[in-house]
Amino acid sequence: MKMKIYAMFLFSTIFVGVMVAVEMYKDANPEWMAYQSL
């Protein structure tokens, strides 16, 4: 059971990290946001 909780925690941490990286990428590349809104 403990491994399952650890796996969920690890997954959520990676997910948040990816979301932050995507937001930073959007800020660095505004033309990408314009492309996505089409």
PDB file of N, CA and C in Angstrom:
ATOM      1  N   MET A   1       0.836  -1.200   0.000  1.00  0.00           N
ATOM      2  CA  MET A   1       0.000   0.000   0.000  1.00  0.00           C
ATOM      3  C   MET A   1       0.875   1.256   0.000  1.00  0.00           C
ATOM      4  N   LYS A   2       1.975   1.178   0.734  1.00  0.00           N
ATOM      5  CA  LYS A   2       2.844   2.345   0.821  1.00  0.00           C
ATOM      6  C   LYS A   2       3.467   2.675  -0.541  1.00  0.00           C
ATOM      7  N   MET A   3       3.798   1.648  -1.303  1.00  0.00           N
ATOM      8  CA  MET A   3       4.380   1.876  -2.626  1.00  0.00           C
ATOM      9  C   MET A   3       3.384   2.566  -3.549  1.00  0.00           C
ATOM     10  N   LYS A   4       2.095   2.227  -3.394  1.00  0.00           N
ATOM     11  CA  LYS A   4       1.073   2.843  -4.235  1.00  0.00           C
ATOM     12  C   LYS A   4       0.981   4.341  -3.946  1.00  0.00           C
ATOM     13  N   ILE A   5       1.023   4.703  -2.671  1.00  0.00           N
ATOM     14  CA  ILE A   5       0.976   6.119  -2.286  1.00  0.00           C
ATOM     15  C   ILE A   5       2.216   6.835  -2.825  1.00  0.00           C
ATOM     16  N   TYR A   6       3.371   6.186  -2.713  1.00  0.00           N
ATOM     17  CA  TYR A   6       4.621   6.769  -3.197  1.00  0.00           C
ATOM     18  C   TYR A   6       4.568   6.980  -4.712  1.00  0.00           C
ATOM     19  N   ALA A   7       4.017   6.004  -5.421  1.00  0.00           N
ATOM     20  CA  ALA A   7       3.910   6.110  -6.874  1.00  0.00           C
ATOM     21  C   ALA A   7       2.986   7.263  -7.261  1.00  0.00           C
ATOM     22  N   MET A   8       1.878   7.416  -6.546  1.00  0.00           N
ATOM     23  CA  MET A   8       0.946   8.513  -6.823  1.00  0.00           C
ATOM     24  C   MET A   8       1.622   9.861  -6.568  1.00  0.00           C
ATOM     25  N   PHE A   9       2.386   9.950  -5.477  1.00  0.00           N
ATOM     26  CA  PHE A   9       3.093  11.186  -5.145  1.00  0.00           C
ATOM     27  C   PHE A   9       4.126  11.516  -6.224  1.00  0.00           C
ATOM     28  N   LEU A  10       4.857  10.494  -6.666  1.00  0.00           N
ATOM     29  CA  LEU A  10       5.874  10.686  -7.697  1.00  0.00           C
ATOM     30  C   LEU A  10       5.228  11.143  -9.004  1.00  0.00           C
ATOM     31  N   PHE A  11       4.117  10.510  -9.381  1.00  0.00           N
ATOM     32  CA  PHE A  11       3.407  10.861 -10.607  1.00  0.00           C
ATOM     33  C   PHE A  11       2.898  12.291 -10.560  1.00  0.00           C
ATOM     34  N   SER A  12       2.310  12.687  -9.425  1.00  0.00           N
ATOM     35  CA  SER A  12       1.781  14.044  -9.302  1.00  0.00           C
ATOM     36  C   SER A  12       2.907  15.072  -9.363  1.00  0.00           C
ATOM     37  N   THR A  13       4.055  14.739  -8.781  1.00  0.00           N
ATOM     38  CA  THR A  13       5.197  15.658  -8.812  1.00  0.00           C
ATOM     39  C   THR A  13       5.691  15.848 -10.245  1.00  0.00           C
ATOM     40  N   ILE A  14       5.784  14.756 -10.998  1.00  0.00           N
ATOM     41  CA  ILE A  14       6.215  14.828 -12.394  1.00  0.00           C
ATOM     42  C   ILE A  14       5.194  15.616 -13.214  1.00  0.00           C
ATOM     43  N   PHE A  15       3.901  15.374 -12.970  1.00  0.00           N
ATOM     44  CA  PHE A  15       2.841  16.059 -13.704  1.00  0.00           C
ATOM     45  C   PHE A  15       2.919  17.566 -13.490  1.00  0.00           C
ATOM     46  N   VAL A  16       3.092  17.987 -12.231  1.00  0.00           N
ATOM     47  CA  VAL A  16       3.207  19.416 -11.914  1.00  0.00           C
ATOM     48  C   VAL A  16       4.452  20.000 -12.592  1.00  0.00           C
ATOM     49  N   GLY A  17       5.547  19.252 -12.569  1.00  0.00           N
ATOM     50  CA  GLY A  17       6.774  19.716 -13.207  1.00  0.00           C
ATOM     51  C   GLY A  17       6.583  19.931 -14.702  1.00  0.00           C
ATOM     52  N   VAL A  18       5.864  19.029 -15.348  1.00  0.00           N
ATOM     53  CA  VAL A  18       5.598  19.160 -16.781  1.00  0.00           C
ATOM     54  C   VAL A  18       4.722  20.381 -17.051  1.00  0.00           C
ATOM     55  N   MET A  19       3.692  20.580 -16.229  1.00  0.00           N
ATOM     56  CA  MET A  19       2.808  21.732 -16.396  1.00  0.00           C
ATOM     57  C   MET A  19       3.582  23.036 -16.271  1.00  0.00           C
ATOM     58  N   VAL A  20       4.466  23.116 -15.273  1.00  0.00           N
ATOM     59  CA  VAL A  20       5.282  24.324 -15.077  1.00  0.00           C
ATOM     60  C   VAL A  20       6.200  24.540 -16.279  1.00  0.00           C
ATOM     61  N   ALA A  21       6.798  23.463 -16.781  1.00  0.00           N
ATOM     62  CA  ALA A  21       7.689  23.572 -17.937  1.00  0.00           C
ATOM     63  C   ALA A  21       6.924  24.071 -19.163  1.00  0.00           C
ATOM     64  N   VAL A  22       5.701  23.580 -19.356  1.00  0.00           N
ATOM     65  CA  VAL A  22       4.876  24.016 -20.492  1.00  0.00           C
ATOM     66  C   VAL A  22       4.541  25.498 -20.364  1.00  0.00           C
ATOM     67  N   GLU A  23       4.177  25.942 -19.164  1.00  0.00           N
ATOM     68  CA  GLU A  23       3.858  27.358 -18.950  1.00  0.00           C
ATOM     69  C   GLU A  23       5.074  28.237 -19.233  1.00  0.00           C
ATOM     70  N   MET A  24       6.245  27.805 -18.786  1.00  0.00           N
ATOM     71  CA  MET A  24       7.469  28.566 -19.030  1.00  0.00           C
ATOM     72  C   MET A  24       7.775  28.602 -20.525  1.00  0.00           C
ATOM     73  N   TYR A  25       7.527  27.493 -21.218  1.00  0.00           N
ATOM     74  CA  TYR A  25       7.764  27.435 -22.661  1.00  0.00           C
ATOM     75  C   TYR A  25       6.828  28.388 -23.400  1.00  0.00           C
ATOM     76  N   LYS A  26       5.555  28.438 -22.964  1.00  0.00           N
ATOM     77  CA  LYS A  26       4.584  29.352 -23.573  1.00  0.00           C
ATOM     78  C   LYS A  26       5.037  30.796 -23.398  1.00  0.00           C
ATOM     79  N   ASP A  27       5.502  31.147 -22.185  1.00  0.00           N
ATOM     80  CA  ASP A  27       5.955  32.513 -21.915  1.00  0.00           C
ATOM     81  C   ASP A  27       7.157  32.871 -22.787  1.00  0.00           C
ATOM     82  N   ALA A  28       8.024  31.890 -23.037  1.00  0.00           N
ATOM     83  CA  ALA A  28       9.227  32.136 -23.825  1.00  0.00           C
ATOM     84  C   ALA A  28       8.936  32.153 -25.327  1.00  0.00           C
ATOM     85  N   ASN A  29       7.794  31.564 -25.726  1.00  0.00           N
ATOM     86  CA  ASN A  29       7.457  31.469 -27.150  1.00  0.00           C
ATOM     87  C   ASN A  29       6.020  31.933 -27.389  1.00  0.00           C
ATOM     88  N   PRO A  30       5.761  33.236 -27.377  1.00  0.00           N
ATOM     89  CA  PRO A  30       4.385  33.730 -27.549  1.00  0.00           C
ATOM     90  C   PRO A  30       3.767  33.346 -28.889  1.00  0.00           C
ATOM     91  N   GLU A  31       4.611  33.169 -29.923  1.00  0.00           N
ATOM     92  CA  GLU A  31       4.054  32.784 -31.219  1.00  0.00           C
ATOM     93  C   GLU A  31       3.443  31.385 -31.168  1.00  0.00           C
ATOM     94  N   TRP A  32       3.931  30.548 -30.235  1.00  0.00           N
ATOM     95  CA  TRP A  32       3.363  29.214 -30.079  1.00  0.00           C
ATOM     96  C   TRP A  32       1.938  29.315 -29.539  1.00  0.00           C
ATOM     97  N   MET A  33       1.713  30.266 -28.634  1.00  0.00           N
ATOM     98  CA  MET A  33       0.365  30.475 -28.088  1.00  0.00           C
ATOM     99  C   MET A  33      -0.575  30.935 -29.192  1.00  0.00           C
ATOM    100  N   ALA A  34      -0.107  31.821 -30.058  1.00  0.00           N
ATOM    101  CA  ALA A  34      -0.942  32.315 -31.152  1.00  0.00           C
ATOM    102  C   ALA A  34      -1.314  31.159 -32.082  1.00  0.00           C
ATOM    103  N   TYR A  35      -0.361  30.255 -32.309  1.00  0.00           N
ATOM    104  CA  TYR A  35      -0.622  29.097 -33.163  1.00  0.00           C
ATOM    105  C   TYR A  35      -1.665  28.182 -32.526  1.00  0.00           C
ATOM    106  N   GLN A  36      -1.572  27.987 -31.200  1.00  0.00           N
ATOM    107  CA  GLN A  36      -2.497  27.102 -30.499  1.00  0.00           C
ATOM    108  C   GLN A  36      -3.924  27.643 -30.503  1.00  0.00           C
ATOM    109  N   SER A  37      -4.097  28.963 -30.535  1.00  0.00           N
ATOM    110  CA  SER A  37      -5.431  29.555 -30.438  1.00  0.00           C
ATOM    111  C   SER A  37      -6.206  29.482 -31.750  1.00  0.00           C
ATOM    112  N   LEU A  38      -5.559  29.078 -32.839  1.00  0.00           N
ATOM    113  CA  LEU A  38      -6.245  28.997 -34.128  1.00  0.00           C
ATOM    114  C   LEU A  38      -7.246  27.854 -34.157  1.00  0.00           C
TER     115      LEU A  38
END
